Amino acid sequence: MTRRAALPLVALLLCALLSGCGRVEKYEQARYDLFDTVCRVSAYAESEDAFGRRTEPMWRRLEEIDRALDPYHGYEGLHNLYYVNLHAAEAPVRAEDVLFDMLLWYRDNRLDAGETVNIAMGAVLNLWHDAREAGGPPPSEEALRAAALHTDFGDVILDEAARTVFFADPLLKLDPGAVGKGYAAREALKALGEGAVLVNLGGIVACAGAPDGRDFWRVAVQSPFSASDSLGILRVKDESVVTSAVYQRFFEWDGLRYHHLIDPETLMPGNFYSSVTVVCKDPAAADLLSTRLFLLPIEESRAAAESAGADALWVLPNGETLMTDGFRRRLEE
């Protein structure tokens, strides 16, 4: 997973409510040490202690996932993403359960993203990561084309019985940045169990149920041009809202901005939009789809959203906004 994450793309607007059996207050917790971003959970409970008991297993689960999907650090005794990228070309590696399960999920759902999203592009994305860390210059075309020869997910051999990962191409590297936080949000909801709750993992917003007395959660979509501006308030229930945007991770060189959303065909940052926001049921699917829509021209992007049954908002570089009818119906007047 790409770990240089931005501050949340989506702000949460919540209000305290009264339940039929007594006063229920809104509580929120935030952590800044997971996935290199701000992670928040909001829910209504009868007491802070009750809220804490509910969220404790979620934080433990997110800690586990954060270590398992860490591409830059090894941990003693842990076969995480860093370990797999380092050793899977030597022999099959028994991966951590959550990492292996995420790879299986991607394998079974990747065709939904066509050729636009490829988590086996680590060799290419590492070049862009290093350029961002150094503040430029961008990678050379020669280096990018050489790295692109080692990005075939078909070379990732998953043995479900042994739960091992093997790279048939010794230069292949995994980078599940387009799905990792969405998958983590999915697991967070599972760990929280029954009841209304909203989780925000650095802009990956996933909710279950709705606050007492309401039919929906209210989620504000941040403008890609100003962190203090909103493009509107969405009404969502048992759904996820994910935004891919140019301001998340970038560097500037010779007057040009190079962001982190890399087109696997051009090997350069996509330039169709400033942001794309997706609403659909599964946060992992929404994470994958938002990247796909960002990297496609508008007609193909709109068709892909409709095919996936998702609502979407596109913000063009000139500030113009386009949206599906379903997205428009979700907006508060």
C-alpha atoms as a PDB file:
ATOM      1  CA  MET A   1       0.000   0.000   0.000  1.00  0.00           C
ATOM      2  CA  THR A   2       1.193   3.485  -0.728  1.00  0.00           C
ATOM      3  CA  ARG A   3       1.747   4.990   2.680  1.00  0.00           C
ATOM      4  CA  ARG A   4       2.302   8.682   1.969  1.00  0.00           C
ATOM      5  CA  ALA A   5      -1.389   9.367   2.382  1.00  0.00           C
ATOM      6  CA  ALA A   6      -3.043  12.750   2.540  1.00  0.00           C
ATOM      7  CA  LEU A   7      -5.397  14.176   5.099  1.00  0.00           C
ATOM      8  CA  PRO A   8      -8.971  12.910   4.677  1.00  0.00           C
ATOM      9  CA  LEU A   9     -10.668  13.866   1.428  1.00  0.00           C
ATOM     10  CA  VAL A  10     -14.110  13.622   2.953  1.00  0.00           C
ATOM     11  CA  ALA A  11     -15.276  15.439   6.068  1.00  0.00           C
ATOM     12  CA  LEU A  12     -17.984  14.037   8.277  1.00  0.00           C
ATOM     13  CA  LEU A  13     -20.988  16.053   9.357  1.00  0.00           C
ATOM     14  CA  LEU A  14     -22.771  14.403  12.257  1.00  0.00           C
ATOM     15  CA  CYS A  15     -25.257  15.506  14.911  1.00  0.00           C
ATOM     16  CA  ALA A  16     -26.329  14.188  18.334  1.00  0.00           C
ATOM     17  CA  LEU A  17     -29.670  12.418  18.431  1.00  0.00           C
ATOM     18  CA  LEU A  18     -32.178  11.109  20.944  1.00  0.00           C
ATOM     19  CA  SER A  19     -33.093   7.428  20.976  1.00  0.00           C
ATOM     20  CA  GLY A  20     -36.322   6.013  22.268  1.00  0.00           C
ATOM     21  CA  CYS A  21     -34.725   4.554  25.416  1.00  0.00           C
ATOM     22  CA  GLY A  22     -32.517   7.427  26.540  1.00  0.00           C
ATOM     23  CA  ARG A  23     -30.030   9.946  25.359  1.00  0.00           C
ATOM     24  CA  VAL A  24     -27.527   8.703  22.785  1.00  0.00           C
ATOM     25  CA  GLU A  25     -24.493  10.883  22.106  1.00  0.00           C
ATOM     26  CA  LYS A  26     -22.127  11.006  19.200  1.00  0.00           C
ATOM     27  CA  TYR A  27     -18.578   9.898  19.993  1.00  0.00           C
ATOM     28  CA  GLU A  28     -15.495   9.985  17.794  1.00  0.00           C
ATOM     29  CA  GLN A  29     -11.989   8.603  18.044  1.00  0.00           C
ATOM     30  CA  ALA A  30      -9.014   9.455  15.841  1.00  0.00           C
ATOM     31  CA  ARG A  31      -5.555   7.981  15.371  1.00  0.00           C
ATOM     32  CA  TYR A  32      -2.624   9.367  13.433  1.00  0.00           C
ATOM     33  CA  ASP A  33      -0.262   6.381  13.503  1.00  0.00           C
ATOM     34  CA  LEU A  34      -1.966   4.054  11.000  1.00  0.00           C
ATOM     35  CA  PHE A  35      -1.582   4.006   7.192  1.00  0.00           C
ATOM     36  CA  ASP A  36       0.285   7.358   7.387  1.00  0.00           C
ATOM     37  CA  THR A  37      -3.022   9.201   7.538  1.00  0.00           C
ATOM     38  CA  VAL A  38      -5.763  10.284   9.907  1.00  0.00           C
ATOM     39  CA  CYS A  39      -8.123   7.425  10.795  1.00  0.00           C
ATOM     40  CA  ARG A  40     -11.436   8.249  12.468  1.00  0.00           C
ATOM     41  CA  VAL A  41     -14.429   6.316  13.689  1.00  0.00           C
ATOM     42  CA  SER A  42     -17.757   7.913  14.647  1.00  0.00           C
ATOM     43  CA  ALA A  43     -20.800   6.310  16.222  1.00  0.00           C
ATOM     44  CA  TYR A  44     -23.626   6.952  18.648  1.00  0.00           C
ATOM     45  CA  ALA A  45     -23.558   5.277  22.037  1.00  0.00           C
ATOM     46  CA  GLU A  46     -25.049   5.596  25.490  1.00  0.00           C
ATOM     47  CA  SER A  47     -21.635   6.247  27.037  1.00  0.00           C
ATOM     48  CA  GLU A  48     -18.007   6.808  26.145  1.00  0.00           C
ATOM     49  CA  ASP A  49     -17.130   3.466  27.740  1.00  0.00           C
ATOM     50  CA  ALA A  50     -19.663   1.649  25.550  1.00  0.00           C
ATOM     51  CA  PHE A  51     -18.212   3.376  22.490  1.00  0.00           C
ATOM     52  CA  GLY A  52     -14.669   2.422  23.519  1.00  0.00           C
ATOM     53  CA  ARG A  53     -15.576  -1.230  24.024  1.00  0.00           C
ATOM     54  CA  ARG A  54     -17.003  -1.312  20.533  1.00  0.00           C
ATOM     55  CA  THR A  55     -14.045   0.336  18.811  1.00  0.00           C
ATOM     56  CA  GLU A  56     -11.230  -1.503  20.610  1.00  0.00           C
ATOM     57  CA  PRO A  57     -11.323  -4.621  18.370  1.00  0.00           C
ATOM     58  CA  MET A  58     -11.483  -2.392  15.289  1.00  0.00           C
ATOM     59  CA  TRP A  59      -8.269  -0.581  16.230  1.00  0.00           C
ATOM     60  CA  ARG A  60      -6.527  -3.902  16.900  1.00  0.00           C
ATOM     61  CA  ARG A  61      -7.612  -5.141  13.486  1.00  0.00           C
ATOM     62  CA  LEU A  62      -6.407  -1.962  11.767  1.00  0.00           C
ATOM     63  CA  GLU A  63      -3.042  -2.215  13.534  1.00  0.00           C
ATOM     64  CA  GLU A  64      -2.704  -5.754  12.194  1.00  0.00           C
ATOM     65  CA  ILE A  65      -3.609  -4.681   8.652  1.00  0.00           C
ATOM     66  CA  ASP A  66      -1.303  -1.654   8.766  1.00  0.00           C
ATOM     67  CA  ARG A  67       1.688  -3.871   9.533  1.00  0.00           C
ATOM     68  CA  ALA A  68       0.656  -6.577   7.063  1.00  0.00           C
ATOM     69  CA  LEU A  69       0.306  -4.125   4.149  1.00  0.00           C
ATOM     70  CA  ASP A  70       3.402  -2.076   4.971  1.00  0.00           C
ATOM     71  CA  PRO A  71       5.596  -2.009   1.834  1.00  0.00           C
ATOM     72  CA  TYR A  72       8.530  -0.168   3.417  1.00  0.00           C
ATOM     73  CA  HIS A  73       9.205  -1.835   6.791  1.00  0.00           C
ATOM     74  CA  GLY A  74       9.811  -5.367   7.938  1.00  0.00           C
ATOM     75  CA  TYR A  75       8.716  -6.699  11.338  1.00  0.00           C
ATOM     76  CA  GLU A  76      10.326  -9.615  13.117  1.00  0.00           C
ATOM     77  CA  GLY A  77       8.424 -12.817  12.412  1.00  0.00           C
ATOM     78  CA  LEU A  78       5.922 -11.083  10.110  1.00  0.00           C
ATOM     79  CA  HIS A  79       5.552 -12.049   6.431  1.00  0.00           C
ATOM     80  CA  ASN A  80       4.043  -8.736   5.417  1.00  0.00           C
ATOM     81  CA  LEU A  81       4.065  -6.965   2.040  1.00  0.00           C
ATOM     82  CA  TYR A  82       7.638  -5.779   2.517  1.00  0.00           C
ATOM     83  CA  TYR A  83       8.755  -9.354   3.212  1.00  0.00           C
ATOM     84  CA  VAL A  84       6.760 -10.767   0.291  1.00  0.00           C
ATOM     85  CA  ASN A  85       8.192  -8.220  -2.161  1.00  0.00           C
ATOM     86  CA  LEU A  86      11.679  -9.043  -0.909  1.00  0.00           C
ATOM     87  CA  HIS A  87      11.470 -12.843  -0.970  1.00  0.00           C
ATOM     88  CA  ALA A  88       8.559 -14.101  -3.119  1.00  0.00           C
ATOM     89  CA  ALA A  89      10.732 -14.398  -6.228  1.00  0.00           C
ATOM     90  CA  GLU A  90      13.091 -16.768  -4.387  1.00  0.00           C
ATOM     91  CA  ALA A  91      10.450 -19.284  -3.287  1.00  0.00           C
ATOM     92  CA  PRO A  92       6.746 -19.324  -2.325  1.00  0.00           C
ATOM     93  CA  VAL A  93       6.171 -17.196   0.782  1.00  0.00           C
ATOM     94  CA  ARG A  94       3.471 -17.910   3.386  1.00  0.00           C
ATOM     95  CA  ALA A  95       1.931 -14.448   3.584  1.00  0.00           C
ATOM     96  CA  GLU A  96       0.079 -12.921   6.520  1.00  0.00           C
ATOM     97  CA  ASP A  97      -3.578 -13.917   6.380  1.00  0.00           C
ATOM     98  CA  VAL A  98      -5.016 -10.449   5.768  1.00  0.00           C
ATOM     99  CA  LEU A  99      -2.468  -9.772   3.015  1.00  0.00           C
ATOM    100  CA  PHE A 100      -3.203 -13.080   1.309  1.00  0.00           C
ATOM    101  CA  ASP A 101      -6.961 -12.557   1.600  1.00  0.00           C
ATOM    102  CA  MET A 102      -6.635  -9.082   0.075  1.00  0.00           C
ATOM    103  CA  LEU A 103      -4.614 -10.501  -2.843  1.00  0.00           C
ATOM    104  CA  LEU A 104      -7.288 -13.145  -3.410  1.00  0.00           C
ATOM    105  CA  TRP A 105      -9.982 -10.467  -3.347  1.00  0.00           C
ATOM    106  CA  TYR A 106      -8.080  -8.378  -5.895  1.00  0.00           C
ATOM    107  CA  ARG A 107      -7.453 -11.398  -8.128  1.00  0.00           C
ATOM    108  CA  ASP A 108     -11.153 -12.221  -8.149  1.00  0.00           C
ATOM    109  CA  ASN A 109     -12.292  -8.611  -8.677  1.00  0.00           C
ATOM    110  CA  ARG A 110      -9.534  -7.064 -10.766  1.00  0.00           C
ATOM    111  CA  LEU A 111     -11.323  -7.570 -14.067  1.00  0.00           C
ATOM    112  CA  ASP A 112     -13.863  -5.046 -12.788  1.00  0.00           C
ATOM    113  CA  ALA A 113     -11.073  -2.482 -13.176  1.00  0.00           C
ATOM    114  CA  GLY A 114      -9.999  -3.714 -16.617  1.00  0.00           C
ATOM    115  CA  GLU A 115      -6.364  -2.911 -17.307  1.00  0.00           C
ATOM    116  CA  THR A 116      -6.609   0.459 -15.597  1.00  0.00           C
ATOM    117  CA  VAL A 117      -5.719  -0.634 -12.060  1.00  0.00           C
ATOM    118  CA  ASN A 118      -2.869  -3.082 -11.560  1.00  0.00           C
ATOM    119  CA  ILE A 119      -1.422  -3.735  -8.097  1.00  0.00           C
ATOM    120  CA  ALA A 120       1.526  -5.525  -9.720  1.00  0.00           C
ATOM    121  CA  MET A 121       2.818  -2.123 -10.909  1.00  0.00           C
ATOM    122  CA  GLY A 122       5.114  -1.781  -7.911  1.00  0.00           C
ATOM    123  CA  ALA A 123       8.258  -1.582 -10.056  1.00  0.00           C
ATOM    124  CA  VAL A 124       6.826   1.482 -11.824  1.00  0.00           C
ATOM    125  CA  LEU A 125       5.219   3.043  -8.763  1.00  0.00           C
ATOM    126  CA  ASN A 126       8.444   2.686  -6.765  1.00  0.00           C
ATOM    127  CA  LEU A 127      10.147   4.971  -9.284  1.00  0.00           C
ATOM    128  CA  TRP A 128       7.434   7.580  -8.805  1.00  0.00           C
ATOM    129  CA  HIS A 129       7.544   7.142  -5.024  1.00  0.00           C
ATOM    130  CA  ASP A 130      11.294   7.740  -4.968  1.00  0.00           C
ATOM    131  CA  ALA A 131      10.864  10.823  -7.159  1.00  0.00           C
ATOM    132  CA  ARG A 132       8.222  12.220  -4.774  1.00  0.00           C
ATOM    133  CA  GLU A 133      10.413  11.558  -1.768  1.00  0.00           C
ATOM    134  CA  ALA A 134      13.303  13.393  -3.454  1.00  0.00           C
ATOM    135  CA  GLY A 135      11.091  16.234  -4.676  1.00  0.00           C
ATOM    136  CA  GLY A 136      11.911  15.403  -8.316  1.00  0.00           C
ATOM    137  CA  PRO A 137      12.918  15.089 -11.047  1.00  0.00           C
ATOM    138  CA  PRO A 138      10.319  12.674 -12.492  1.00  0.00           C
ATOM    139  CA  PRO A 139      11.570   9.237 -13.563  1.00  0.00           C
ATOM    140  CA  SER A 140      12.965   8.966 -17.067  1.00  0.00           C
ATOM    141  CA  GLU A 141      10.846   7.408 -19.795  1.00  0.00           C
ATOM    142  CA  GLU A 142      13.553   4.778 -20.273  1.00  0.00           C
ATOM    143  CA  ALA A 143      13.448   3.761 -16.602  1.00  0.00           C
ATOM    144  CA  LEU A 144       9.639   3.657 -16.590  1.00  0.00           C
ATOM    145  CA  ARG A 145       9.445   1.526 -19.736  1.00  0.00           C
ATOM    146  CA  ALA A 146      12.020  -0.900 -18.341  1.00  0.00           C
ATOM    147  CA  ALA A 147      10.079  -1.212 -15.079  1.00  0.00           C
ATOM    148  CA  ALA A 148       6.790  -1.702 -16.962  1.00  0.00           C
ATOM    149  CA  LEU A 149       8.109  -4.988 -18.363  1.00  0.00           C
ATOM    150  CA  HIS A 150       7.686  -6.454 -14.874  1.00  0.00           C
ATOM    151  CA  THR A 151       4.067  -5.644 -14.037  1.00  0.00           C
ATOM    152  CA  ASP A 152       2.054  -8.695 -15.101  1.00  0.00           C
ATOM    153  CA  PHE A 153      -0.248  -9.803 -12.288  1.00  0.00           C
ATOM    154  CA  GLY A 154      -0.354 -13.178 -14.010  1.00  0.00           C
ATOM    155  CA  ASP A 155       3.168 -13.663 -12.644  1.00  0.00           C
ATOM    156  CA  VAL A 156       1.793 -13.518  -9.089  1.00  0.00           C
ATOM    157  CA  ILE A 157       1.126 -17.147  -8.191  1.00  0.00           C
ATOM    158  CA  LEU A 158      -1.297 -17.588  -5.279  1.00  0.00           C
ATOM    159  CA  ASP A 159      -1.542 -21.060  -3.752  1.00  0.00           C
ATOM    160  CA  GLU A 160      -4.815 -21.069  -1.817  1.00  0.00           C
ATOM    161  CA  ALA A 161      -4.149 -24.396  -0.087  1.00  0.00           C
ATOM    162  CA  ALA A 162      -0.723 -23.360   1.231  1.00  0.00           C
ATOM    163  CA  ARG A 163      -1.638 -19.633   1.325  1.00  0.00           C
ATOM    164  CA  THR A 164       1.643 -18.721  -0.330  1.00  0.00           C
ATOM    165  CA  VAL A 165       2.688 -16.051  -2.805  1.00  0.00           C
ATOM    166  CA  PHE A 166       5.296 -16.626  -5.517  1.00  0.00           C
ATOM    167  CA  PHE A 167       6.577 -14.183  -8.156  1.00  0.00           C
ATOM    168  CA  ALA A 168       7.347 -15.882 -11.474  1.00  0.00           C
ATOM    169  CA  ASP A 169       9.029 -12.614 -12.519  1.00  0.00           C
ATOM    170  CA  PRO A 170      11.926 -11.852 -10.124  1.00  0.00           C
ATOM    171  CA  LEU A 171      11.651  -8.087 -10.772  1.00  0.00           C
ATOM    172  CA  LEU A 172       7.917  -7.832 -10.063  1.00  0.00           C
ATOM    173  CA  LYS A 173       6.766  -5.878  -6.993  1.00  0.00           C
ATOM    174  CA  LEU A 174       3.288  -5.465  -5.501  1.00  0.00           C
ATOM    175  CA  ASP A 175       1.779  -2.096  -4.584  1.00  0.00           C
ATOM    176  CA  PRO A 176      -1.871  -2.451  -3.508  1.00  0.00           C
ATOM    177  CA  GLY A 177      -2.325   1.298  -2.950  1.00  0.00           C
ATOM    178  CA  ALA A 178      -5.459   1.331  -5.111  1.00  0.00           C
ATOM    179  CA  VAL A 179      -7.281  -1.101  -2.835  1.00  0.00           C
ATOM    180  CA  GLY A 180      -5.442  -1.421   0.483  1.00  0.00           C
ATOM    181  CA  LYS A 181      -7.199   1.265   2.546  1.00  0.00           C
ATOM    182  CA  GLY A 182     -10.553   0.316   1.072  1.00  0.00           C
ATOM    183  CA  TYR A 183      -9.961  -3.291   2.101  1.00  0.00           C
ATOM    184  CA  ALA A 184      -8.919  -2.105   5.570  1.00  0.00           C
ATOM    185  CA  ALA A 185     -12.138  -0.076   5.870  1.00  0.00           C
ATOM    186  CA  ARG A 186     -14.083  -3.195   4.928  1.00  0.00           C
ATOM    187  CA  GLU A 187     -12.383  -5.126   7.725  1.00  0.00           C
ATOM    188  CA  ALA A 188     -12.932  -2.262  10.159  1.00  0.00           C
ATOM    189  CA  LEU A 189     -16.696  -2.437   9.641  1.00  0.00           C
ATOM    190  CA  LYS A 190     -16.620  -6.186  10.274  1.00  0.00           C
ATOM    191  CA  ALA A 191     -14.700  -5.682  13.513  1.00  0.00           C
ATOM    192  CA  LEU A 192     -17.194  -3.055  14.717  1.00  0.00           C
ATOM    193  CA  GLY A 193     -20.111  -5.452  14.440  1.00  0.00           C
ATOM    194  CA  GLU A 194     -23.796  -4.528  14.520  1.00  0.00           C
ATOM    195  CA  GLY A 195     -25.065  -0.973  14.748  1.00  0.00           C
ATOM    196  CA  ALA A 196     -24.681   2.393  13.071  1.00  0.00           C
ATOM    197  CA  VAL A 197     -21.073   3.499  12.594  1.00  0.00           C
ATOM    198  CA  LEU A 198     -18.952   5.522  10.205  1.00  0.00           C
ATOM    199  CA  VAL A 199     -15.245   4.922   9.525  1.00  0.00           C
ATOM    200  CA  ASN A 200     -12.924   7.316   7.678  1.00  0.00           C
ATOM    201  CA  LEU A 201      -9.473   6.008   6.771  1.00  0.00           C
ATOM    202  CA  GLY A 202      -7.806   9.008   5.203  1.00  0.00           C
ATOM    203  CA  GLY A 203     -10.730   9.736   2.907  1.00  0.00           C
ATOM    204  CA  ILE A 204     -11.999   6.174   2.502  1.00  0.00           C
ATOM    205  CA  VAL A 205     -15.396   6.599   4.153  1.00  0.00           C
ATOM    206  CA  ALA A 206     -17.455   3.501   4.971  1.00  0.00           C
ATOM    207  CA  CYS A 207     -20.675   3.464   6.951  1.00  0.00           C
ATOM    208  CA  ALA A 208     -23.066   0.893   8.334  1.00  0.00           C
ATOM    209  CA  GLY A 209     -26.640   1.661   9.199  1.00  0.00           C
ATOM    210  CA  ALA A 210     -27.641   5.217  10.001  1.00  0.00           C
ATOM    211  CA  PRO A 211     -27.832   7.388  13.128  1.00  0.00           C
ATOM    212  CA  ASP A 212     -30.919   6.873  15.297  1.00  0.00           C
ATOM    213  CA  GLY A 213     -33.788   8.969  14.046  1.00  0.00           C
ATOM    214  CA  ARG A 214     -32.329   9.408  10.558  1.00  0.00           C
ATOM    215  CA  ASP A 215     -32.289   7.358   7.388  1.00  0.00           C
ATOM    216  CA  PHE A 216     -28.733   8.245   6.367  1.00  0.00           C
ATOM    217  CA  TRP A 217     -25.300   9.583   7.271  1.00  0.00           C
ATOM    218  CA  ARG A 218     -24.277  12.983   5.882  1.00  0.00           C
ATOM    219  CA  VAL A 219     -20.868  13.109   4.195  1.00  0.00           C
ATOM    220  CA  ALA A 220     -19.284  16.263   2.776  1.00  0.00           C
ATOM    221  CA  VAL A 221     -17.221  15.901  -0.411  1.00  0.00           C
ATOM    222  CA  GLN A 222     -14.095  18.046  -0.290  1.00  0.00           C
ATOM    223  CA  SER A 223     -13.146  20.284  -3.197  1.00  0.00           C
ATOM    224  CA  PRO A 224      -9.843  19.303  -4.854  1.00  0.00           C
ATOM    225  CA  PHE A 225      -8.915  22.986  -5.018  1.00  0.00           C
ATOM    226  CA  SER A 226      -9.394  23.968  -1.355  1.00  0.00           C
ATOM    227  CA  ALA A 227      -9.397  21.855   1.795  1.00  0.00           C
ATOM    228  CA  SER A 228     -11.903  24.234   3.382  1.00  0.00           C
ATOM    229  CA  ASP A 229     -14.468  24.045   0.554  1.00  0.00           C
ATOM    230  CA  SER A 230     -17.140  21.404   0.050  1.00  0.00           C
ATOM    231  CA  LEU A 231     -18.690  20.318  -3.230  1.00  0.00           C
ATOM    232  CA  GLY A 232     -21.857  19.210  -1.475  1.00  0.00           C
ATOM    233  CA  ILE A 233     -23.314  16.966   1.219  1.00  0.00           C
ATOM    234  CA  LEU A 234     -24.106  13.361   0.318  1.00  0.00           C
ATOM    235  CA  ARG A 235     -26.711  11.163   1.991  1.00  0.00           C
ATOM    236  CA  VAL A 236     -25.452   7.588   2.380  1.00  0.00           C
ATOM    237  CA  LYS A 237     -26.474   4.448   4.264  1.00  0.00           C
ATOM    238  CA  ASP A 238     -24.656   1.084   4.331  1.00  0.00           C
ATOM    239  CA  GLU A 239     -22.358   2.497   1.630  1.00  0.00           C
ATOM    240  CA  SER A 240     -18.877   3.848   1.009  1.00  0.00           C
ATOM    241  CA  VAL A 241     -17.605   7.133  -0.391  1.00  0.00           C
ATOM    242  CA  VAL A 242     -14.099   7.215  -1.888  1.00  0.00           C
ATOM    243  CA  THR A 243     -12.314  10.075  -3.635  1.00  0.00           C
ATOM    244  CA  SER A 244      -9.224   9.900  -5.845  1.00  0.00           C
ATOM    245  CA  ALA A 245      -7.617  13.314  -6.255  1.00  0.00           C
ATOM    246  CA  VAL A 246      -4.497  15.037  -7.540  1.00  0.00           C
ATOM    247  CA  TYR A 247      -3.644  16.772  -4.270  1.00  0.00           C
ATOM    248  CA  GLN A 248      -3.197  13.608  -2.201  1.00  0.00           C
ATOM    249  CA  ARG A 249       0.474  12.943  -2.962  1.00  0.00           C
ATOM    250  CA  PHE A 250       2.473  14.948  -5.482  1.00  0.00           C
ATOM    251  CA  PHE A 251       5.606  16.913  -6.224  1.00  0.00           C
ATOM    252  CA  GLU A 252       6.298  19.811  -8.559  1.00  0.00           C
ATOM    253  CA  TRP A 253       9.144  20.010 -11.047  1.00  0.00           C
ATOM    254  CA  ASP A 254       9.795  22.698 -13.661  1.00  0.00           C
ATOM    255  CA  GLY A 255       6.375  24.182 -13.019  1.00  0.00           C
ATOM    256  CA  LEU A 256       4.488  20.910 -13.485  1.00  0.00           C
ATOM    257  CA  ARG A 257       2.678  18.878 -10.825  1.00  0.00           C
ATOM    258  CA  TYR A 258       3.198  15.106 -10.767  1.00  0.00           C
ATOM    259  CA  HIS A 259       0.659  13.278  -8.607  1.00  0.00           C
ATOM    260  CA  HIS A 260       0.491   9.634  -7.523  1.00  0.00           C
ATOM    261  CA  LEU A 261      -2.304   8.249  -9.760  1.00  0.00           C
ATOM    262  CA  ILE A 262      -0.308   6.632 -12.541  1.00  0.00           C
ATOM    263  CA  ASP A 263      -1.834   5.476 -15.820  1.00  0.00           C
ATOM    264  CA  PRO A 264      -0.521   1.943 -16.577  1.00  0.00           C
ATOM    265  CA  GLU A 265      -0.613   2.723 -20.305  1.00  0.00           C
ATOM    266  CA  THR A 266       1.283   6.035 -20.351  1.00  0.00           C
ATOM    267  CA  LEU A 267       3.151   5.369 -17.047  1.00  0.00           C
ATOM    268  CA  MET A 268       2.495   9.034 -16.247  1.00  0.00           C
ATOM    269  CA  PRO A 269       0.031  10.697 -13.857  1.00  0.00           C
ATOM    270  CA  GLY A 270      -3.512  10.749 -15.233  1.00  0.00           C
ATOM    271  CA  ASN A 271      -4.603  14.226 -16.339  1.00  0.00           C
ATOM    272  CA  PHE A 272      -8.326  13.950 -17.103  1.00  0.00           C
ATOM    273  CA  TYR A 273      -9.603  15.145 -13.715  1.00  0.00           C
ATOM    274  CA  SER A 274      -8.713  16.915 -10.489  1.00  0.00           C
ATOM    275  CA  SER A 275     -10.798  14.453  -8.476  1.00  0.00           C
ATOM    276  CA  VAL A 276     -13.290  11.611  -8.849  1.00  0.00           C
ATOM    277  CA  THR A 277     -15.665  10.576  -6.058  1.00  0.00           C
ATOM    278  CA  VAL A 278     -17.436   7.215  -6.056  1.00  0.00           C
ATOM    279  CA  VAL A 279     -20.325   5.904  -3.961  1.00  0.00           C
ATOM    280  CA  CYS A 280     -21.005   2.172  -3.805  1.00  0.00           C
ATOM    281  CA  LYS A 281     -21.595  -0.569  -1.253  1.00  0.00           C
ATOM    282  CA  ASP A 282     -18.158  -2.111  -0.682  1.00  0.00           C
ATOM    283  CA  PRO A 283     -15.282   0.199   0.370  1.00  0.00           C
ATOM    284  CA  ALA A 284     -12.679  -2.058  -1.280  1.00  0.00           C
ATOM    285  CA  ALA A 285     -14.627  -2.000  -4.558  1.00  0.00           C
ATOM    286  CA  ALA A 286     -15.129   1.759  -4.234  1.00  0.00           C
ATOM    287  CA  ASP A 287     -11.389   2.269  -3.709  1.00  0.00           C
ATOM    288  CA  LEU A 288     -10.583   0.213  -6.800  1.00  0.00           C
ATOM    289  CA  LEU A 289     -13.298   1.875  -8.881  1.00  0.00           C
ATOM    290  CA  SER A 290     -12.374   5.447  -7.965  1.00  0.00           C
ATOM    291  CA  THR A 291      -8.854   4.878  -9.311  1.00  0.00           C
ATOM    292  CA  ARG A 292     -10.205   3.281 -12.460  1.00  0.00           C
ATOM    293  CA  LEU A 293     -12.614   6.144 -13.146  1.00  0.00           C
ATOM    294  CA  PHE A 294      -9.867   8.695 -12.533  1.00  0.00           C
ATOM    295  CA  LEU A 295      -7.657   7.152 -15.221  1.00  0.00           C
ATOM    296  CA  LEU A 296     -10.292   6.864 -17.973  1.00  0.00           C
ATOM    297  CA  PRO A 297     -11.549   9.611 -20.334  1.00  0.00           C
ATOM    298  CA  ILE A 298     -14.992  10.837 -19.382  1.00  0.00           C
ATOM    299  CA  GLU A 299     -17.180   8.760 -21.705  1.00  0.00           C
ATOM    300  CA  GLU A 300     -15.390   5.547 -20.757  1.00  0.00           C
ATOM    301  CA  SER A 301     -15.310   6.599 -17.112  1.00  0.00           C
ATOM    302  CA  ARG A 302     -19.047   7.307 -17.013  1.00  0.00           C
ATOM    303  CA  ALA A 303     -19.788   3.989 -18.734  1.00  0.00           C
ATOM    304  CA  ALA A 304     -17.599   2.158 -16.209  1.00  0.00           C
ATOM    305  CA  ALA A 305     -19.445   3.801 -13.293  1.00  0.00           C
ATOM    306  CA  GLU A 306     -22.825   2.864 -14.752  1.00  0.00           C
ATOM    307  CA  SER A 307     -21.673  -0.690 -15.444  1.00  0.00           C
ATOM    308  CA  ALA A 308     -20.555  -1.021 -11.811  1.00  0.00           C
ATOM    309  CA  GLY A 309     -23.858   0.367 -10.546  1.00  0.00           C
ATOM    310  CA  ALA A 310     -22.001   3.186  -8.775  1.00  0.00           C
ATOM    311  CA  ASP A 311     -22.741   6.877  -8.397  1.00  0.00           C
ATOM    312  CA  ALA A 312     -19.881   9.200  -9.290  1.00  0.00           C
ATOM    313  CA  LEU A 313     -18.733  12.813  -9.432  1.00  0.00           C
ATOM    314  CA  TRP A 314     -15.974  14.043 -11.736  1.00  0.00           C
ATOM    315  CA  VAL A 315     -14.196  17.376 -11.179  1.00  0.00           C
ATOM    316  CA  LEU A 316     -12.328  18.589 -14.265  1.00  0.00           C
ATOM    317  CA  PRO A 317      -9.086  20.602 -14.013  1.00  0.00           C
ATOM    318  CA  ASN A 318     -10.991  23.756 -15.012  1.00  0.00           C
ATOM    319  CA  GLY A 319     -13.361  23.288 -12.058  1.00  0.00           C
ATOM    320  CA  GLU A 320     -16.327  21.995 -14.067  1.00  0.00           C
ATOM    321  CA  THR A 321     -18.235  19.165 -12.377  1.00  0.00           C
ATOM    322  CA  LEU A 322     -20.014  16.216 -13.958  1.00  0.00           C
ATOM    323  CA  MET A 323     -22.041  13.623 -12.088  1.00  0.00           C
ATOM    324  CA  THR A 324     -24.306  10.655 -12.530  1.00  0.00           C
ATOM    325  CA  ASP A 325     -28.022  11.146 -11.936  1.00  0.00           C
ATOM    326  CA  GLY A 326     -27.769   8.948  -8.851  1.00  0.00           C
ATOM    327  CA  PHE A 327     -25.028  11.120  -7.365  1.00  0.00           C
ATOM    328  CA  ARG A 328     -27.105  14.242  -7.979  1.00  0.00           C
ATOM    329  CA  ARG A 329     -30.106  12.710  -6.201  1.00  0.00           C
ATOM    330  CA  ARG A 330     -27.957  12.041  -3.145  1.00  0.00           C
ATOM    331  CA  LEU A 331     -26.950  15.698  -2.742  1.00  0.00           C
ATOM    332  CA  GLU A 332     -28.756  17.813  -0.220  1.00  0.00           C
ATOM    333  CA  GLU A 333     -30.377  20.952  -1.601  1.00  0.00           C
END
